[in-house]
Protein backbone atom coordinates (compact mmCIF):
# COMPACT_ATOMS: atom_id res chain seq x y z
CA UNK A 1 202.11 95.01 114.10
CA UNK A 2 202.60 98.45 113.44
CA UNK A 3 199.82 100.77 114.83
CA UNK A 4 197.60 102.57 112.53
CA UNK A 5 196.68 106.20 112.81
CA UNK A 6 193.10 106.76 110.56
CA UNK A 7 192.37 110.79 109.51
CA UNK A 8 189.28 111.52 108.56
CA UNK A 9 189.57 113.81 106.32
CA UNK A 10 191.95 115.54 103.52
CA UNK A 11 191.77 118.87 104.64
CA UNK A 12 194.15 121.65 106.21
CA UNK A 13 194.13 120.22 109.40
CA UNK A 14 193.65 116.19 108.61
CA UNK A 15 196.78 116.20 106.36
CA UNK A 16 198.69 118.31 109.18
CA UNK A 17 198.18 115.63 111.24
CA UNK A 18 199.01 112.79 109.44
CA UNK A 19 202.17 114.46 108.06
CA UNK A 20 203.84 115.16 111.13
CA UNK A 21 202.49 111.95 112.58
CA UNK A 22 204.20 110.27 110.39
CA UNK A 23 207.36 111.48 110.95
CA UNK A 24 207.62 111.85 114.26
CA UNK A 25 206.90 108.27 114.60
CA UNK A 26 208.28 106.36 111.38
CA UNK A 27 206.96 103.09 112.74
CA UNK A 28 203.16 104.56 112.60
CA UNK A 29 201.13 103.47 109.50
CA UNK A 30 198.99 106.53 107.95
CA UNK A 31 196.22 106.95 106.49
CA UNK A 32 194.39 109.75 105.36
CA UNK A 33 190.55 108.71 103.93
CA UNK A 34 189.09 111.62 102.03
CA UNK A 35 185.19 111.40 100.80
CA UNK A 36 185.80 113.61 97.89
CA UNK A 37 187.79 113.29 95.10
CA UNK A 38 189.68 116.41 96.12
CA UNK A 39 192.61 116.84 98.50
CA UNK A 40 192.74 120.21 100.45
CA UNK A 41 190.11 121.91 98.74
CA UNK A 42 190.14 124.59 100.68
CA UNK A 43 193.82 125.44 101.15
CA UNK A 44 193.62 125.85 97.02
CA UNK A 45 190.42 128.43 97.23
CA UNK A 46 191.89 130.34 100.30
CA UNK A 47 192.51 133.92 99.84
CA UNK A 48 191.78 134.28 96.30
CA UNK A 49 193.91 131.15 95.29
CA UNK A 50 196.65 132.52 97.43
CA UNK A 51 196.42 129.94 100.72
CA UNK A 52 195.93 132.64 103.57
CA UNK A 53 197.94 130.49 105.45
CA UNK A 54 197.87 132.38 109.06
CA UNK A 55 197.78 135.65 110.43
CA UNK A 56 201.37 137.18 111.35
CA UNK A 57 200.32 137.81 114.98
CA UNK A 58 202.69 136.84 117.54
CA UNK A 59 200.74 137.81 120.71
CA UNK A 60 198.90 134.40 121.98
CA UNK A 61 196.23 136.16 123.82
CA UNK A 62 195.57 138.56 121.19
CA UNK A 63 195.39 136.18 118.70
CA UNK A 64 192.83 134.28 120.56
CA UNK A 65 190.59 136.97 120.57
CA UNK A 66 190.21 136.73 116.64
CA UNK A 67 187.93 133.18 117.57
CA UNK A 68 183.99 134.53 117.67
CA UNK A 69 183.50 130.91 118.98
CA UNK A 70 186.43 128.57 121.35
CA UNK A 71 188.94 131.82 121.92
CA UNK A 72 189.80 130.32 126.07
CA UNK A 73 190.56 126.89 124.02
CA UNK A 74 192.75 128.09 121.22
CA UNK A 75 194.36 130.07 123.91
CA UNK A 76 195.42 126.48 125.26
CA UNK A 77 196.29 125.34 122.41
CA UNK A 78 198.64 127.63 120.93
CA UNK A 79 200.62 127.43 123.87
CA UNK A 80 201.70 123.87 122.05
CA UNK A 81 201.69 125.17 118.65
CA UNK A 82 201.32 128.74 117.65
CA UNK A 83 202.39 131.14 114.64
CA UNK A 84 205.85 131.24 114.57
CA UNK A 85 206.06 127.57 114.88
CA UNK A 86 203.98 127.57 111.54
CA UNK A 87 205.89 130.04 109.78
CA UNK A 88 209.12 127.89 110.61
CA UNK A 89 207.38 124.36 110.01
CA UNK A 90 207.20 125.40 106.28
CA UNK A 91 210.09 127.80 105.84
CA UNK A 92 212.14 124.14 106.80
CA UNK A 93 210.47 122.56 104.12
CA UNK A 94 211.51 125.61 101.53
CA UNK A 95 208.35 127.83 101.76
CA UNK A 96 208.80 130.95 103.18
CA UNK A 97 205.95 133.16 103.63
CA UNK A 98 205.54 136.90 103.71
CA UNK A 99 203.38 139.07 105.49
CA UNK A 100 201.39 141.68 104.04
CA UNK A 101 199.81 145.17 105.66
CA UNK A 102 196.68 143.71 107.35
CA UNK A 103 199.01 141.20 108.74
CA UNK A 104 197.85 138.26 106.39
CA UNK A 105 200.42 135.78 105.51
CA UNK A 106 200.54 134.04 102.10
CA UNK A 107 203.53 131.97 100.15
CA UNK A 108 206.13 134.40 98.61
CA UNK A 109 204.68 132.26 95.21
CA UNK A 110 201.22 134.04 95.36
CA UNK A 111 200.11 130.52 94.72
CA UNK A 112 198.44 128.13 97.18
CA UNK A 113 199.86 125.06 94.88
CA UNK A 114 202.57 125.39 96.35
CA UNK A 115 200.87 124.82 100.13
CA UNK A 116 199.60 122.18 98.42
CA UNK A 117 202.42 120.60 96.89
CA UNK A 118 204.63 120.67 99.94
CA UNK A 119 201.90 118.82 102.00
CA UNK A 120 201.52 116.28 99.40
CA UNK A 121 205.75 116.14 99.01
CA UNK A 122 205.71 115.43 102.63
CA UNK A 123 203.05 113.28 102.66
CA UNK A 124 204.94 111.16 100.45
CA UNK A 125 207.92 111.43 101.62
CA UNK A 126 206.87 109.38 105.13
CA UNK A 127 204.68 106.80 103.44
CA UNK A 128 201.51 108.44 104.32
CA UNK A 129 198.36 106.19 102.31
CA UNK A 130 195.82 108.63 100.89
CA UNK A 131 191.98 107.02 99.90
CA UNK A 132 189.80 108.93 97.80
CA UNK A 133 185.93 108.99 97.77
CA UNK A 134 185.65 106.94 100.78
CA UNK A 135 183.35 108.50 103.65
CA UNK A 136 183.32 107.07 107.10
CA UNK A 137 179.84 106.47 108.42
CA UNK A 138 180.27 104.80 111.90
CA UNK A 139 183.53 104.83 114.56
CA UNK A 140 183.20 101.56 116.67
CA UNK A 141 185.48 101.07 119.49
CA UNK A 142 186.54 97.28 119.99
CA UNK A 143 189.11 96.06 122.43
CA UNK A 144 191.02 99.14 122.53
CA UNK A 145 190.94 99.44 119.23
CA UNK A 146 188.86 101.29 115.84
CA UNK A 147 186.84 100.17 113.44
CA UNK A 148 185.62 102.19 110.90
CA UNK A 149 182.83 101.72 108.23
CA UNK A 150 182.51 103.36 105.38
CA UNK A 151 179.58 104.15 103.08
CA UNK A 152 181.17 101.76 100.49
CA UNK A 153 180.73 99.00 102.92
CA UNK A 154 184.69 98.10 103.50
CA UNK A 155 185.94 97.92 107.04
CA UNK A 156 189.44 99.52 108.18
CA UNK A 157 190.77 99.15 111.28
CA UNK A 158 192.67 101.52 113.49
CA UNK A 159 194.73 102.60 116.80
CA UNK A 160 193.98 105.88 116.56
CA UNK A 161 191.68 108.05 114.91
CA UNK A 162 191.59 112.01 114.07
CA UNK A 163 188.40 113.41 112.78
CA UNK A 164 189.55 116.47 110.46
CA UNK A 165 186.55 116.27 108.41
CA UNK A 166 185.51 120.39 108.37
CA UNK A 167 182.21 121.27 109.33
CA UNK A 168 179.11 120.06 108.61
CA UNK A 169 176.00 123.14 107.70
CA UNK A 170 173.53 120.35 109.26
CA UNK A 171 173.19 118.97 112.80
CA UNK A 172 172.08 115.63 110.86
CA UNK A 173 175.31 115.52 109.31
CA UNK A 174 177.32 114.63 112.85
CA UNK A 175 175.04 111.69 113.77
CA UNK A 176 177.87 109.39 112.63
CA UNK A 177 180.04 111.44 115.60
CA UNK A 178 176.66 111.36 118.07
CA UNK A 179 176.74 107.68 118.40
CA UNK A 180 180.51 107.75 120.47
CA UNK A 181 179.31 109.52 123.11
CA UNK A 182 179.98 113.56 121.85
CA UNK A 183 177.71 116.09 121.74
CA UNK A 184 177.46 118.71 119.35
CA UNK A 185 176.81 122.85 119.07
CA UNK A 186 174.51 123.39 116.49
CA UNK A 187 175.84 124.10 113.47
CA UNK A 188 175.51 127.78 111.54
CA UNK A 189 177.30 129.72 108.56
CA UNK A 190 179.73 132.19 109.50
CA UNK A 191 182.17 134.15 106.90
CA UNK A 192 179.13 135.04 105.13
CA UNK A 193 177.87 138.14 102.49
CA UNK A 194 174.89 140.39 103.27
CA UNK A 195 172.37 140.44 100.64
CA UNK A 196 170.76 143.92 99.84
CA UNK A 197 168.41 142.86 97.41
CA UNK A 198 167.12 145.41 94.97
CA UNK A 199 169.33 148.18 96.59
CA UNK A 200 170.42 150.44 94.07
CA UNK A 201 174.28 150.39 95.63
CA UNK A 202 174.37 146.76 94.21
CA UNK A 203 175.03 148.65 90.61
CA UNK A 204 178.00 150.04 91.89
CA UNK A 205 179.53 146.18 91.88
CA UNK A 206 183.42 145.91 92.04
CA UNK A 207 183.92 148.98 94.01
CA UNK A 208 185.85 148.82 97.22
CA UNK A 209 186.46 150.88 100.57
CA UNK A 210 189.66 150.57 102.01
CA UNK A 211 188.75 151.60 105.27
CA UNK A 212 185.18 152.21 106.07
CA UNK A 213 182.68 151.17 109.70
CA UNK A 214 179.88 148.71 109.62
CA UNK A 215 177.58 148.67 112.55
CA UNK A 216 174.64 146.35 113.16
CA UNK A 217 171.66 148.09 114.29
CA UNK A 218 170.47 147.13 117.66
CA UNK A 219 173.68 145.78 118.86
CA UNK A 220 177.10 146.15 119.89
CA UNK A 221 178.72 144.56 116.55
CA UNK A 222 180.85 146.80 114.36
CA UNK A 223 183.23 146.30 112.32
CA UNK A 224 186.02 148.55 110.91
CA UNK A 225 187.80 147.57 107.64
CA UNK A 226 187.51 146.58 103.64
CA UNK A 227 183.93 147.16 101.76
CA UNK A 228 183.47 145.48 98.63
CA UNK A 229 180.18 146.23 96.71
CA UNK A 230 178.65 143.46 94.82
CA UNK A 231 176.15 142.37 92.31
CA UNK A 232 174.32 141.21 95.16
CA UNK A 233 174.97 143.70 98.41
CA UNK A 234 178.29 143.98 100.47
CA UNK A 235 181.30 141.65 101.00
CA UNK A 236 185.22 142.25 102.07
CA UNK A 237 186.89 141.34 105.63
CA UNK A 238 184.63 144.12 107.60
CA UNK A 239 181.46 142.22 106.22
CA UNK A 240 182.88 138.55 107.01
CA UNK A 241 184.08 139.81 109.91
CA UNK A 242 180.76 140.96 111.16
CA UNK A 243 179.30 137.77 110.33
CA UNK A 244 181.35 135.69 111.71
CA UNK A 245 180.77 137.56 115.44
CA UNK A 246 177.09 137.56 114.52
CA UNK A 247 177.09 134.18 113.26
CA UNK A 248 174.07 132.84 115.71
CA UNK A 249 172.52 136.23 116.17
CA UNK A 250 171.59 136.47 112.50
CA UNK A 251 170.48 132.48 112.17
CA UNK A 252 167.91 133.48 114.48
CA UNK A 253 166.96 136.73 112.82
CA UNK A 254 166.61 134.75 109.54
CA UNK A 255 169.37 136.89 108.41
CA UNK A 256 167.15 139.67 108.35
CA UNK A 257 168.63 143.13 110.29
CA UNK A 258 169.63 146.81 109.67
CA UNK A 259 173.56 147.99 108.98
CA UNK A 260 174.55 151.41 109.08
CA UNK A 261 178.07 152.65 107.00
CA UNK A 262 180.62 155.27 107.54
CA UNK A 263 182.01 155.28 104.59
CA UNK A 264 185.48 157.36 105.62
CA UNK A 265 186.19 155.81 108.96
CA UNK A 266 189.52 158.16 108.94
CA UNK A 267 187.10 161.20 109.69
CA UNK A 268 184.59 162.08 111.87
CA UNK A 269 180.64 163.70 111.02
CA UNK A 270 182.02 166.98 112.53
CA UNK A 271 185.21 166.83 110.45
CA UNK A 272 183.12 166.13 107.30
CA UNK A 273 181.10 169.11 108.06
CA UNK A 274 183.94 170.92 108.54
CA UNK A 275 185.82 169.81 105.41
CA UNK A 276 182.30 170.69 103.75
CA UNK A 277 182.58 174.28 104.92
CA UNK A 278 185.87 174.79 103.45
CA UNK A 279 184.63 173.45 100.34
CA UNK A 280 181.72 176.08 100.32
CA UNK A 281 183.86 178.74 100.92
CA UNK A 282 187.16 178.04 99.25
CA UNK A 283 185.58 175.76 95.90
CA UNK A 284 182.22 177.57 95.95
CA UNK A 285 182.04 177.49 92.28
CA UNK A 286 183.12 174.01 91.68
CA UNK A 287 180.45 171.55 91.22
CA UNK A 288 180.07 169.08 94.30
CA UNK A 289 179.74 165.79 92.16
CA UNK A 290 183.33 166.44 90.66
CA UNK A 291 185.20 167.92 94.13
CA UNK A 292 185.11 164.37 95.87
CA UNK A 293 187.82 165.39 98.65
CA UNK A 294 187.12 162.84 100.94
CA UNK A 295 189.17 159.59 98.87
CA UNK A 296 186.17 157.83 97.92
CA UNK A 297 185.56 156.14 94.45
CA UNK A 298 183.90 158.57 92.17
CA UNK A 299 181.26 156.39 90.74
CA UNK A 300 180.48 155.97 95.00
CA UNK A 301 181.16 160.01 95.30
CA UNK A 302 178.34 160.24 92.47
CA UNK A 303 176.64 158.17 93.75
CA UNK A 304 175.87 159.28 97.16
CA UNK A 305 175.56 162.33 95.74
CA UNK A 306 172.46 161.51 93.75
CA UNK A 307 170.87 159.57 96.65
CA UNK A 308 171.25 162.82 98.64
CA UNK A 309 169.01 164.90 96.19
CA UNK A 310 172.10 166.68 94.40
CA UNK A 311 172.11 166.69 90.69
CA UNK A 312 175.26 167.05 88.56
CA UNK A 313 174.98 170.80 87.48
CA UNK A 314 175.09 171.66 91.73
CA UNK A 315 178.31 173.90 92.61
CA UNK A 316 179.29 173.96 96.23
CA UNK A 317 178.06 177.23 96.77
CA UNK A 318 174.31 176.69 95.99
CA UNK A 319 174.15 173.40 98.11
CA UNK A 320 171.21 173.97 99.93
CA UNK A 321 171.47 172.65 104.35
CA UNK A 322 169.05 169.52 103.47
CA UNK A 323 170.90 168.00 100.77
CA UNK A 324 173.91 168.68 102.60
CA UNK A 325 172.96 167.07 105.62
CA UNK A 326 171.75 164.01 103.98
CA UNK A 327 175.61 164.08 101.96
CA UNK A 328 176.57 163.78 105.63
CA UNK A 329 174.83 161.10 106.84
CA UNK A 330 175.08 159.32 103.70
CA UNK A 331 178.98 159.27 104.10
CA UNK A 332 178.59 158.68 107.91
CA UNK A 333 175.64 156.44 108.71
CA UNK A 334 174.31 155.20 105.38
CA UNK A 335 171.29 152.66 106.33
CA UNK A 336 170.99 149.39 104.63
CA UNK A 337 168.37 146.68 105.22
CA UNK A 338 169.93 143.39 105.01
CA UNK A 339 167.92 140.22 103.38
CA UNK A 340 169.89 137.49 103.01
CA UNK A 341 173.31 135.75 102.60
CA UNK A 342 175.42 134.22 100.46
CA UNK A 343 178.05 131.87 101.22
CA UNK A 344 180.73 130.04 99.15
CA UNK A 345 180.53 126.72 99.26
CA UNK A 346 184.59 126.04 98.91
CA UNK A 347 185.43 129.09 101.19
CA UNK A 348 182.51 129.64 104.03
CA UNK A 349 183.16 128.33 107.69
CA UNK A 350 180.86 126.85 109.97
CA UNK A 351 179.95 127.62 113.40
CA UNK A 352 179.44 124.91 115.69
CA UNK A 353 180.93 121.21 115.84
CA UNK A 354 181.55 118.80 118.28
CA UNK A 355 181.51 120.09 121.97
CA UNK A 356 184.74 121.66 123.75
CA UNK A 357 183.98 120.79 127.12
CA UNK A 358 184.86 117.06 125.22
CA UNK A 359 188.29 117.59 123.99
CA UNK A 360 191.59 118.35 125.96
CA UNK A 361 192.97 121.74 124.54
CA UNK A 362 196.45 120.24 125.05
CA UNK A 363 196.26 116.95 123.65
CA UNK A 364 193.07 117.61 120.94
CA UNK A 365 191.69 113.81 122.17
CA UNK A 366 188.65 112.88 123.15
CA UNK A 367 188.00 113.19 127.09
CA UNK A 368 185.47 110.63 126.59
CA UNK A 369 186.90 108.01 124.02
CA UNK A 370 190.53 107.67 124.56
CA UNK A 371 192.57 107.34 121.11
CA UNK A 372 189.67 109.72 119.24
CA UNK A 373 191.69 112.62 118.64
CA UNK A 374 189.85 115.97 116.81
CA UNK A 375 190.80 119.12 115.05
CA UNK A 376 189.79 121.68 112.51
CA UNK A 377 186.41 123.16 111.72
CA UNK A 378 184.83 119.84 113.07
CA UNK A 379 184.91 121.21 116.67
CA UNK A 380 182.99 124.43 117.77
CA UNK A 381 186.00 126.67 117.36
CA UNK A 382 185.72 129.30 114.50
CA UNK A 383 188.08 132.51 113.53
CA UNK A 384 187.40 135.64 111.51
CA UNK A 385 188.73 136.35 107.95
CA UNK A 386 192.41 136.40 107.87
CA UNK A 387 194.35 133.19 108.40
CA UNK A 388 193.04 132.53 111.50
CA UNK A 389 190.78 129.27 110.83
CA UNK A 390 193.80 127.70 108.77
CA UNK A 391 195.97 128.38 112.46
CA UNK A 392 193.61 126.64 113.97
CA UNK A 393 193.83 123.75 111.80
CA UNK A 394 197.95 123.52 111.67
CA UNK A 395 197.67 124.04 115.45
CA UNK A 396 195.05 121.47 115.85
CA UNK A 397 196.61 118.95 113.21
CA UNK A 398 199.88 119.10 114.79
CA UNK A 399 199.26 118.59 118.82
CA UNK A 400 197.34 115.28 117.71
CA UNK A 401 199.86 114.53 115.97
CA UNK A 402 202.38 114.89 118.37
CA UNK A 403 200.21 113.13 121.23
CA UNK A 404 199.47 109.78 119.04
CA UNK A 405 202.97 109.55 117.98
CA UNK A 406 204.24 109.57 121.46
CA UNK A 407 201.55 107.04 122.45
CA UNK A 408 201.72 104.83 119.38
CA UNK A 409 205.70 103.97 120.46
CA UNK A 410 207.79 101.36 118.59
CA UNK A 411 206.02 98.72 116.88
């Protein structure tokens, strides 16, 4: 009888495990079970529908530092399947990736459908069976085999199981996996936006500043990068990265904390003061609101002026010292009180999951239950925004597939 691999989860890690295992051992029967009616849901919505496949970082140690939790674990993983391997894998299937200025990599088509079509075509080519609307509720080990009990009452037998069902927002949802003898790190949200209820800056929703520094008051947490103003608060890469690094700390604070923003990251406070002095002497007759020398979006500049007590008629030559100091503070150290978060159900990442000490990084196999593998967000690894979570998924899925194929042997 041919041996069977059942992959629990039809996302990036699950599909990558399934298609590679089926390719590496054609005698292996491979099945994906997905509890929803959607396959590769996060692939579809990632990067605004373009799919941020990976990040063009070729330095293994540097890449590992992009994971707030699990950095040592992924460093070991990446020795077996890394960014260049991901690029080559897709290129071999006529999917070319391009690199953007910030290092993020997308398909040249700018469509996540390209990645989805590639993976589904691969699954079809190697006879991977996909069962939708099937939710696993229990994994039972019996005579060196597995029995998967479904919510529907159906039972599926397997020689190998790879759990790649994504992250769970609540600890109670891990119960069926805890019964296998594993432990978890409690889940908390990561990659979320900061809510600023009632703050007047939300009237500027849609405005983006490409280079700002955001600091969390009373901590060492600081990130530099784009910031987006939304109708509920602040988002953008700098904010999302902060949310990842501070995920557990922010949860303990009930998502209530203070931040400060330096809106002109390229200039120090002293440089900004010097620029204002030059404006006062060289452009004194011009109105402050109309002379935006700092490259900020005009609406944001006008807002900063208003918040500093500067009206639309005030000239640079007439700018009082008190208002000038307020303006400098607004530009370099504007404070906000964060009260709550916003997560996107299909895009956000969960910190926490199966304890890493119970998984072998070079195989993705459980140290407790032989033949049981884990890949993707279900384990206690999460990266910052920028393609790092997908790279973790591809790496884990491939490593598990390779090991399973080597253990399954000929039929």
